[in-house]
Amino acid sequence: GRGDAVRGVLDALPVRDLVSPSQTFPLRVERKLATFSSWY
């Protein structure tokens, strides 16, 4: 019950009890130029 194969399977899809989510916080995803740009 403790082998690498078992751990790998349970890492991919674990058994989760008492799942307690935080609130969902806003995340704005802009186009790449908003972060990576070279101005002249």
All heavy atoms as atom14 arrays in JSON, in Angstrom:
{
  "sequence": "GRGDAVRGVLDALPVRDLVSPSQTFPLRVERKLATFSSWY",
  "atom14_mask": [
    [1, 1, 1, 1, 0, 0, 0, 0, 0, 0, 0, 0, 0, 0],
    [1, 1, 1, 1, 1, 1, 1, 1, 1, 1, 1, 0, 0, 0],
    [1, 1, 1, 1, 0, 0, 0, 0, 0, 0, 0, 0, 0, 0],
    [1, 1, 1, 1, 1, 1, 1, 1, 0, 0, 0, 0, 0, 0],
    [1, 1, 1, 1, 1, 0, 0, 0, 0, 0, 0, 0, 0, 0],
    [1, 1, 1, 1, 1, 1, 1, 0, 0, 0, 0, 0, 0, 0],
    [1, 1, 1, 1, 1, 1, 1, 1, 1, 1, 1, 0, 0, 0],
    [1, 1, 1, 1, 0, 0, 0, 0, 0, 0, 0, 0, 0, 0],
    [1, 1, 1, 1, 1, 1, 1, 0, 0, 0, 0, 0, 0, 0],
    [1, 1, 1, 1, 1, 1, 1, 1, 0, 0, 0, 0, 0, 0],
    [1, 1, 1, 1, 1, 1, 1, 1, 0, 0, 0, 0, 0, 0],
    [1, 1, 1, 1, 1, 0, 0, 0, 0, 0, 0, 0, 0, 0],
    [1, 1, 1, 1, 1, 1, 1, 1, 0, 0, 0, 0, 0, 0],
    [1, 1, 1, 1, 1, 1, 1, 0, 0, 0, 0, 0, 0, 0],
    [1, 1, 1, 1, 1, 1, 1, 0, 0, 0, 0, 0, 0, 0],
    [1, 1, 1, 1, 1, 1, 1, 1, 1, 1, 1, 0, 0, 0],
    [1, 1, 1, 1, 1, 1, 1, 1, 0, 0, 0, 0, 0, 0],
    [1, 1, 1, 1, 1, 1, 1, 1, 0, 0, 0, 0, 0, 0],
    [1, 1, 1, 1, 1, 1, 1, 0, 0, 0, 0, 0, 0, 0],
    [1, 1, 1, 1, 1, 1, 0, 0, 0, 0, 0, 0, 0, 0],
    [1, 1, 1, 1, 1, 1, 1, 0, 0, 0, 0, 0, 0, 0],
    [1, 1, 1, 1, 1, 1, 0, 0, 0, 0, 0, 0, 0, 0],
    [1, 1, 1, 1, 1, 1, 1, 1, 1, 0, 0, 0, 0, 0],
    [1, 1, 1, 1, 1, 1, 1, 0, 0, 0, 0, 0, 0, 0],
    [1, 1, 1, 1, 1, 1, 1, 1, 1, 1, 1, 0, 0, 0],
    [1, 1, 1, 1, 1, 1, 1, 0, 0, 0, 0, 0, 0, 0],
    [1, 1, 1, 1, 1, 1, 1, 1, 0, 0, 0, 0, 0, 0],
    [1, 1, 1, 1, 1, 1, 1, 1, 1, 1, 1, 0, 0, 0],
    [1, 1, 1, 1, 1, 1, 1, 0, 0, 0, 0, 0, 0, 0],
    [1, 1, 1, 1, 1, 1, 1, 1, 1, 0, 0, 0, 0, 0],
    [1, 1, 1, 1, 1, 1, 1, 1, 1, 1, 1, 0, 0, 0],
    [1, 1, 1, 1, 1, 1, 1, 1, 1, 0, 0, 0, 0, 0],
    [1, 1, 1, 1, 1, 1, 1, 1, 0, 0, 0, 0, 0, 0],
    [1, 1, 1, 1, 1, 0, 0, 0, 0, 0, 0, 0, 0, 0],
    [1, 1, 1, 1, 1, 1, 1, 0, 0, 0, 0, 0, 0, 0],
    [1, 1, 1, 1, 1, 1, 1, 1, 1, 1, 1, 0, 0, 0],
    [1, 1, 1, 1, 1, 1, 0, 0, 0, 0, 0, 0, 0, 0],
    [1, 1, 1, 1, 1, 1, 0, 0, 0, 0, 0, 0, 0, 0],
    [1, 1, 1, 1, 1, 1, 1, 1, 1, 1, 1, 1, 1, 1],
    [1, 1, 1, 1, 1, 1, 1, 1, 1, 1, 1, 1, 0, 0]
  ],
  "atom14_positions": [
    [[0.8, -1.23, 0.0], [0.0, 0.0, 0.0], [0.83, 1.27, 0.0], [0.26, 2.38, 0.0], [0.0, 0.0, 0.0], [0.0, 0.0, 0.0], [0.0, 0.0, 0.0], [0.0, 0.0, 0.0], [0.0, 0.0, 0.0], [0.0, 0.0, 0.0], [0.0, 0.0, 0.0], [0.0, 0.0, 0.0], [0.0, 0.0, 0.0], [0.0, 0.0, 0.0]],
    [[2.15, 1.13, -0.02], [3.02, 2.31, 0.08], [4.01, 2.41, -1.07], [4.92, 3.23, -1.05], [3.79, 2.28, 1.4], [2.9, 2.26, 2.65], [3.71, 2.25, 3.93], [4.44, 3.5, 4.12], [5.76, 3.62, 4.06], [6.52, 2.56, 3.81], [6.34, 4.8, 4.23], [0.0, 0.0, 0.0], [0.0, 0.0, 0.0], [0.0, 0.0, 0.0]],
    [[3.82, 1.59, -2.09], [4.77, 1.57, -3.2], [4.66, 2.81, -4.08], [3.7, 3.58, -4.02], [0.0, 0.0, 0.0], [0.0, 0.0, 0.0], [0.0, 0.0, 0.0], [0.0, 0.0, 0.0], [0.0, 0.0, 0.0], [0.0, 0.0, 0.0], [0.0, 0.0, 0.0], [0.0, 0.0, 0.0], [0.0, 0.0, 0.0], [0.0, 0.0, 0.0]],
    [[5.66, 2.98, -4.95], [5.71, 4.15, -5.83], [4.51, 4.2, -6.78], [3.99, 5.28, -7.09], [7.01, 4.15, -6.64], [8.23, 4.4, -5.77], [8.06, 4.92, -4.65], [9.35, 4.09, -6.21], [0.0, 0.0, 0.0], [0.0, 0.0, 0.0], [0.0, 0.0, 0.0], [0.0, 0.0, 0.0], [0.0, 0.0, 0.0], [0.0, 0.0, 0.0]],
    [[4.09, 3.03, -7.25], [2.96, 3.0, -8.18], [1.69, 3.52, -7.5], [0.93, 4.29, -8.09], [2.75, 1.58, -8.71], [0.0, 0.0, 0.0], [0.0, 0.0, 0.0], [0.0, 0.0, 0.0], [0.0, 0.0, 0.0], [0.0, 0.0, 0.0], [0.0, 0.0, 0.0], [0.0, 0.0, 0.0], [0.0, 0.0, 0.0], [0.0, 0.0, 0.0]],
    [[1.46, 3.08, -6.27], [0.29, 3.55, -5.53], [0.38, 5.05, -5.29], [-0.6, 5.8, -5.48], [0.16, 2.8, -4.19], [-0.92, 3.43, -3.32], [-0.13, 1.33, -4.44], [0.0, 0.0, 0.0], [0.0, 0.0, 0.0], [0.0, 0.0, 0.0], [0.0, 0.0, 0.0], [0.0, 0.0, 0.0], [0.0, 0.0, 0.0], [0.0, 0.0, 0.0]],
    [[1.53, 5.52, -4.86], [1.69, 6.96, -4.59], [1.46, 7.78, -5.86], [0.84, 8.85, -5.83], [3.07, 7.23, -4.02], [3.28, 6.62, -2.63], [4.65, 7.0, -2.07], [4.94, 6.28, -0.85], [4.49, 6.62, 0.35], [3.68, 7.67, 0.48], [4.8, 5.92, 1.43], [0.0, 0.0, 0.0], [0.0, 0.0, 0.0], [0.0, 0.0, 0.0]],
    [[1.97, 7.28, -6.98], [1.79, 8.0, -8.22], [0.33, 8.11, -8.61], [-0.14, 9.18, -9.04], [0.0, 0.0, 0.0], [0.0, 0.0, 0.0], [0.0, 0.0, 0.0], [0.0, 0.0, 0.0], [0.0, 0.0, 0.0], [0.0, 0.0, 0.0], [0.0, 0.0, 0.0], [0.0, 0.0, 0.0], [0.0, 0.0, 0.0], [0.0, 0.0, 0.0]],
    [[-0.41, 7.02, -8.44], [-1.84, 7.03, -8.77], [-2.59, 7.98, -7.85], [-3.46, 8.75, -8.3], [-2.4, 5.59, -8.67], [-3.93, 5.61, -8.68], [-1.87, 4.74, -9.82], [0.0, 0.0, 0.0], [0.0, 0.0, 0.0], [0.0, 0.0, 0.0], [0.0, 0.0, 0.0], [0.0, 0.0, 0.0], [0.0, 0.0, 0.0], [0.0, 0.0, 0.0]],
    [[-2.27, 7.97, -6.57], [-2.99, 8.82, -5.63], [-2.54, 10.27, -5.68], [-3.29, 11.17, -5.29], [-2.84, 8.26, -4.21], [-3.55, 6.92, -3.99], [-3.32, 6.42, -2.57], [-5.04, 7.04, -4.27], [0.0, 0.0, 0.0], [0.0, 0.0, 0.0], [0.0, 0.0, 0.0], [0.0, 0.0, 0.0], [0.0, 0.0, 0.0], [0.0, 0.0, 0.0]],
    [[-1.34, 10.52, -6.17], [-0.93, 11.91, -6.41], [-1.72, 12.49, -7.57], [-2.12, 13.66, -7.57], [0.57, 11.99, -6.71], [1.42, 11.9, -5.45], [0.86, 12.11, -4.35], [2.63, 11.64, -5.56], [0.0, 0.0, 0.0], [0.0, 0.0, 0.0], [0.0, 0.0, 0.0], [0.0, 0.0, 0.0], [0.0, 0.0, 0.0], [0.0, 0.0, 0.0]],
    [[-1.95, 11.65, -8.6], [-2.68, 12.12, -9.78], [-4.14, 12.39, -9.46], [-4.73, 13.36, -9.95], [-2.57, 11.09, -10.9], [0.0, 0.0, 0.0], [0.0, 0.0, 0.0], [0.0, 0.0, 0.0], [0.0, 0.0, 0.0], [0.0, 0.0, 0.0], [0.0, 0.0, 0.0], [0.0, 0.0, 0.0], [0.0, 0.0, 0.0], [0.0, 0.0, 0.0]],
    [[-4.75, 11.57, -8.64], [-6.15, 11.77, -8.25], [-6.3, 11.31, -6.81], [-6.62, 10.16, -6.53], [-7.09, 10.97, -9.18], [-8.59, 11.14, -8.92], [-9.0, 12.6, -9.09], [-9.4, 10.25, -9.86], [0.0, 0.0, 0.0], [0.0, 0.0, 0.0], [0.0, 0.0, 0.0], [0.0, 0.0, 0.0], [0.0, 0.0, 0.0], [0.0, 0.0, 0.0]],
    [[-6.06, 12.21, -5.87], [-6.07, 11.81, -4.46], [-7.49, 11.61, -3.92], [-8.47, 12.07, -4.49], [-5.39, 12.99, -3.76], [-5.67, 14.15, -4.64], [-5.68, 13.62, -6.05], [0.0, 0.0, 0.0], [0.0, 0.0, 0.0], [0.0, 0.0, 0.0], [0.0, 0.0, 0.0], [0.0, 0.0, 0.0], [0.0, 0.0, 0.0], [0.0, 0.0, 0.0]],
    [[-7.54, 10.92, -2.8], [-8.79, 10.83, -2.04], [-8.82, 12.05, -1.13], [-7.92, 12.27, -0.33], [-8.84, 9.54, -1.2], [-10.1, 9.51, -0.36], [-8.74, 8.32, -2.1], [0.0, 0.0, 0.0], [0.0, 0.0, 0.0], [0.0, 0.0, 0.0], [0.0, 0.0, 0.0], [0.0, 0.0, 0.0], [0.0, 0.0, 0.0], [0.0, 0.0, 0.0]],
    [[-9.88, 12.85, -1.25], [-9.96, 14.11, -0.52], [-11.22, 14.14, 0.34], [-12.33, 13.99, -0.16], [-9.95, 15.3, -1.48], [-8.78, 15.29, -2.46], [-8.63, 16.64, -3.16], [-9.86, 17.12, -3.77], [-10.1, 18.38, -4.11], [-9.17, 19.3, -3.87], [-11.24, 18.73, -4.68], [0.0, 0.0, 0.0], [0.0, 0.0, 0.0], [0.0, 0.0, 0.0]],
    [[-11.05, 14.33, 1.63], [-12.17, 14.46, 2.55], [-12.24, 15.89, 3.08], [-11.21, 16.59, 3.16], [-12.02, 13.5, 3.73], [-12.28, 12.04, 3.33], [-12.88, 11.84, 2.26], [-11.87, 11.15, 4.09], [0.0, 0.0, 0.0], [0.0, 0.0, 0.0], [0.0, 0.0, 0.0], [0.0, 0.0, 0.0], [0.0, 0.0, 0.0], [0.0, 0.0, 0.0]],
    [[-13.44, 16.3, 3.46], [-13.65, 17.6, 4.1], [-13.07, 18.74, 3.27], [-12.44, 19.67, 3.78], [-13.03, 17.62, 5.5], [-13.46, 16.51, 6.46], [-12.72, 16.64, 7.79], [-14.97, 16.54, 6.68], [0.0, 0.0, 0.0], [0.0, 0.0, 0.0], [0.0, 0.0, 0.0], [0.0, 0.0, 0.0], [0.0, 0.0, 0.0], [0.0, 0.0, 0.0]],
    [[-13.28, 18.7, 1.97], [-12.71, 19.72, 1.08], [-13.25, 21.09, 1.47], [-14.46, 21.3, 1.54], [-13.04, 19.41, -0.38], [-12.53, 20.52, -1.29], [-12.45, 18.07, -0.78], [0.0, 0.0, 0.0], [0.0, 0.0, 0.0], [0.0, 0.0, 0.0], [0.0, 0.0, 0.0], [0.0, 0.0, 0.0], [0.0, 0.0, 0.0], [0.0, 0.0, 0.0]],
    [[-12.33, 22.0, 1.74], [-12.7, 23.33, 2.24], [-12.05, 24.39, 1.34], [-10.87, 24.72, 1.51], [-12.22, 23.51, 3.68], [-12.73, 22.47, 4.5], [0.0, 0.0, 0.0], [0.0, 0.0, 0.0], [0.0, 0.0, 0.0], [0.0, 0.0, 0.0], [0.0, 0.0, 0.0], [0.0, 0.0, 0.0], [0.0, 0.0, 0.0], [0.0, 0.0, 0.0]],
    [[-12.8, 24.93, 0.4], [-12.21, 25.91, -0.51], [-12.11, 27.3, 0.12], [-12.96, 27.71, 0.92], [-13.18, 25.93, -1.69], [-14.49, 25.56, -1.08], [-14.19, 24.6, 0.03], [0.0, 0.0, 0.0], [0.0, 0.0, 0.0], [0.0, 0.0, 0.0], [0.0, 0.0, 0.0], [0.0, 0.0, 0.0], [0.0, 0.0, 0.0], [0.0, 0.0, 0.0]],
    [[-11.06, 28.0, -0.23], [-11.01, 29.42, 0.1], [-12.0, 30.15, -0.8], [-12.61, 29.55, -1.69], [-9.6, 29.97, -0.16], [-9.34, 30.01, -1.57], [0.0, 0.0, 0.0], [0.0, 0.0, 0.0], [0.0, 0.0, 0.0], [0.0, 0.0, 0.0], [0.0, 0.0, 0.0], [0.0, 0.0, 0.0], [0.0, 0.0, 0.0], [0.0, 0.0, 0.0]],
    [[-12.16, 31.43, -0.58], [-12.94, 32.19, -1.55], [-12.16, 32.24, -2.86], [-10.95, 31.99, -2.9], [-13.21, 33.61, -1.05], [-11.98, 34.53, -1.03], [-12.31, 35.91, -0.49], [-12.31, 36.13, 0.72], [-12.59, 36.85, -1.38], [0.0, 0.0, 0.0], [0.0, 0.0, 0.0], [0.0, 0.0, 0.0], [0.0, 0.0, 0.0], [0.0, 0.0, 0.0]],
    [[-12.84, 32.51, -3.94], [-12.18, 32.63, -5.24], [-11.74, 34.08, -5.42], [-12.56, 34.99, -5.41], [-13.11, 32.21, -6.38], [-13.47, 30.83, -6.2], [-12.44, 32.37, -7.72], [0.0, 0.0, 0.0], [0.0, 0.0, 0.0], [0.0, 0.0, 0.0], [0.0, 0.0, 0.0], [0.0, 0.0, 0.0], [0.0, 0.0, 0.0], [0.0, 0.0, 0.0]],
    [[-10.45, 34.27, -5.56], [-9.88, 35.61, -5.68], [-9.7, 35.97, -7.16], [-9.38, 35.11, -7.98], [-8.54, 35.68, -4.96], [-8.64, 35.46, -3.48], [-8.36, 34.21, -2.93], [-9.03, 36.48, -2.63], [-8.46, 33.99, -1.57], [-9.14, 36.27, -1.26], [-8.85, 35.03, -0.73], [0.0, 0.0, 0.0], [0.0, 0.0, 0.0], [0.0, 0.0, 0.0]],
    [[-9.89, 37.24, -7.52], [-9.81, 37.61, -8.93], [-8.38, 37.59, -9.47], [-7.44, 37.96, -8.77], [-10.39, 39.03, -8.94], [-10.15, 39.56, -7.56], [-10.26, 38.37, -6.65], [0.0, 0.0, 0.0], [0.0, 0.0, 0.0], [0.0, 0.0, 0.0], [0.0, 0.0, 0.0], [0.0, 0.0, 0.0], [0.0, 0.0, 0.0], [0.0, 0.0, 0.0]],
    [[-8.26, 37.17, -10.71], [-6.98, 37.12, -11.42], [-7.22, 37.59, -12.85], [-7.93, 36.92, -13.6], [-6.4, 35.7, -11.41], [-5.14, 35.48, -12.25], [-3.95, 36.2, -11.62], [-4.84, 33.99, -12.4], [0.0, 0.0, 0.0], [0.0, 0.0, 0.0], [0.0, 0.0, 0.0], [0.0, 0.0, 0.0], [0.0, 0.0, 0.0], [0.0, 0.0, 0.0]],
    [[-6.66, 38.71, -13.2], [-6.84, 39.24, -14.56], [-5.65, 38.8, -15.42], [-4.5, 39.09, -15.1], [-6.96, 40.75, -14.55], [-7.05, 41.37, -15.95], [-7.7, 42.73, -15.89], [-9.09, 42.63, -15.51], [-9.7, 43.48, -14.67], [-9.03, 44.47, -14.12], [-10.98, 43.32, -14.37], [0.0, 0.0, 0.0], [0.0, 0.0, 0.0], [0.0, 0.0, 0.0]],
    [[-5.96, 38.11, -16.52], [-4.92, 37.63, -17.44], [-4.96, 38.51, -18.68], [-5.91, 38.48, -19.46], [-5.14, 36.15, -17.8], [-4.03, 35.67, -18.72], [-5.18, 35.3, -16.52], [0.0, 0.0, 0.0], [0.0, 0.0, 0.0], [0.0, 0.0, 0.0], [0.0, 0.0, 0.0], [0.0, 0.0, 0.0], [0.0, 0.0, 0.0], [0.0, 0.0, 0.0]],
    [[-3.93, 39.33, -18.84], [-3.83, 40.26, -19.96], [-3.0, 39.65, -21.08], [-2.36, 38.62, -20.91], [-3.14, 41.55, -19.49], [-3.71, 42.15, -18.22], [-4.63, 43.31, -18.48], [-5.08, 43.48, -19.64], [-4.89, 44.06, -17.53], [0.0, 0.0, 0.0], [0.0, 0.0, 0.0], [0.0, 0.0, 0.0], [0.0, 0.0, 0.0], [0.0, 0.0, 0.0]],
    [[-2.99, 40.33, -22.22], [-2.14, 39.84, -23.31], [-0.67, 40.0, -22.93], [-0.3, 40.81, -22.06], [-2.46, 40.54, -24.62], [-2.21, 42.03, -24.66], [-2.86, 42.62, -25.9], [-2.61, 44.05, -26.04], [-1.77, 44.58, -26.93], [-1.07, 43.79, -27.74], [-1.63, 45.88, -27.02], [0.0, 0.0, 0.0], [0.0, 0.0, 0.0], [0.0, 0.0, 0.0]],
    [[0.19, 39.26, -23.6], [1.58, 39.14, -23.19], [2.31, 40.48, -23.15], [3.18, 40.72, -22.3], [2.33, 38.18, -24.11], [3.74, 37.85, -23.66], [4.37, 36.77, -24.52], [5.76, 36.4, -24.02], [6.37, 35.34, -24.84], [0.0, 0.0, 0.0], [0.0, 0.0, 0.0], [0.0, 0.0, 0.0], [0.0, 0.0, 0.0], [0.0, 0.0, 0.0]],
    [[1.95, 41.39, -24.07], [2.64, 42.67, -24.14], [2.46, 43.49, -22.86], [3.23, 44.41, -22.6], [2.14, 43.47, -25.35], [3.04, 44.61, -25.84], [4.32, 44.04, -26.46], [2.31, 45.48, -26.85], [0.0, 0.0, 0.0], [0.0, 0.0, 0.0], [0.0, 0.0, 0.0], [0.0, 0.0, 0.0], [0.0, 0.0, 0.0], [0.0, 0.0, 0.0]],
    [[1.46, 43.16, -22.06], [1.25, 43.88, -20.81], [2.41, 43.65, -19.84], [2.66, 44.48, -18.96], [-0.06, 43.43, -20.15], [0.0, 0.0, 0.0], [0.0, 0.0, 0.0], [0.0, 0.0, 0.0], [0.0, 0.0, 0.0], [0.0, 0.0, 0.0], [0.0, 0.0, 0.0], [0.0, 0.0, 0.0], [0.0, 0.0, 0.0], [0.0, 0.0, 0.0]],
    [[3.1, 42.55, -19.99], [4.24, 42.23, -19.13], [5.57, 42.3, -19.88], [6.55, 42.83, -19.37], [4.09, 40.82, -18.53], [3.0, 40.82, -17.6], [5.35, 40.38, -17.81], [0.0, 0.0, 0.0], [0.0, 0.0, 0.0], [0.0, 0.0, 0.0], [0.0, 0.0, 0.0], [0.0, 0.0, 0.0], [0.0, 0.0, 0.0], [0.0, 0.0, 0.0]],
    [[5.59, 41.79, -21.09], [6.84, 41.65, -21.83], [6.82, 42.6, -23.02], [6.11, 42.37, -24.0], [7.01, 40.2, -22.3], [8.26, 39.94, -23.09], [9.5, 40.13, -22.52], [8.19, 39.52, -24.41], [10.66, 39.89, -23.24], [9.34, 39.28, -25.14], [10.58, 39.47, -24.55], [0.0, 0.0, 0.0], [0.0, 0.0, 0.0], [0.0, 0.0, 0.0]],
    [[7.58, 43.68, -22.92], [7.56, 44.69, -23.97], [8.86, 45.47, -24.0], [9.55, 45.6, -22.99], [6.38, 45.66, -23.76], [6.48, 46.3, -22.49], [0.0, 0.0, 0.0], [0.0, 0.0, 0.0], [0.0, 0.0, 0.0], [0.0, 0.0, 0.0], [0.0, 0.0, 0.0], [0.0, 0.0, 0.0], [0.0, 0.0, 0.0], [0.0, 0.0, 0.0]],
    [[9.18, 46.0, -25.18], [10.38, 46.82, -25.38], [9.96, 48.11, -26.08], [9.5, 48.07, -27.22], [11.41, 46.07, -26.23], [11.77, 44.84, -25.66], [0.0, 0.0, 0.0], [0.0, 0.0, 0.0], [0.0, 0.0, 0.0], [0.0, 0.0, 0.0], [0.0, 0.0, 0.0], [0.0, 0.0, 0.0], [0.0, 0.0, 0.0], [0.0, 0.0, 0.0]],
    [[10.1, 49.22, -25.39], [9.6, 50.51, -25.86], [10.71, 51.36, -26.45], [11.83, 51.39, -25.93], [8.97, 51.28, -24.71], [7.74, 50.67, -24.11], [7.61, 49.41, -23.58], [6.47, 51.3, -23.94], [6.34, 49.22, -23.1], [5.62, 50.36, -23.3], [5.97, 52.56, -24.24], [4.3, 50.67, -22.98], [4.65, 52.86, -23.91], [3.83, 51.92, -23.3]],
    [[10.37, 52.07, -27.52], [11.29, 53.04, -28.13], [10.56, 54.37, -28.23], [9.57, 54.49, -28.95], [11.75, 52.58, -29.51], [12.84, 53.42, -30.12], [14.18, 53.06, -29.99], [12.54, 54.59, -30.82], [15.19, 53.84, -30.55], [13.54, 55.37, -31.38], [14.85, 55.0, -31.25], [15.86, 55.77, -31.81], [0.0, 0.0, 0.0], [0.0, 0.0, 0.0]]
  ]
}
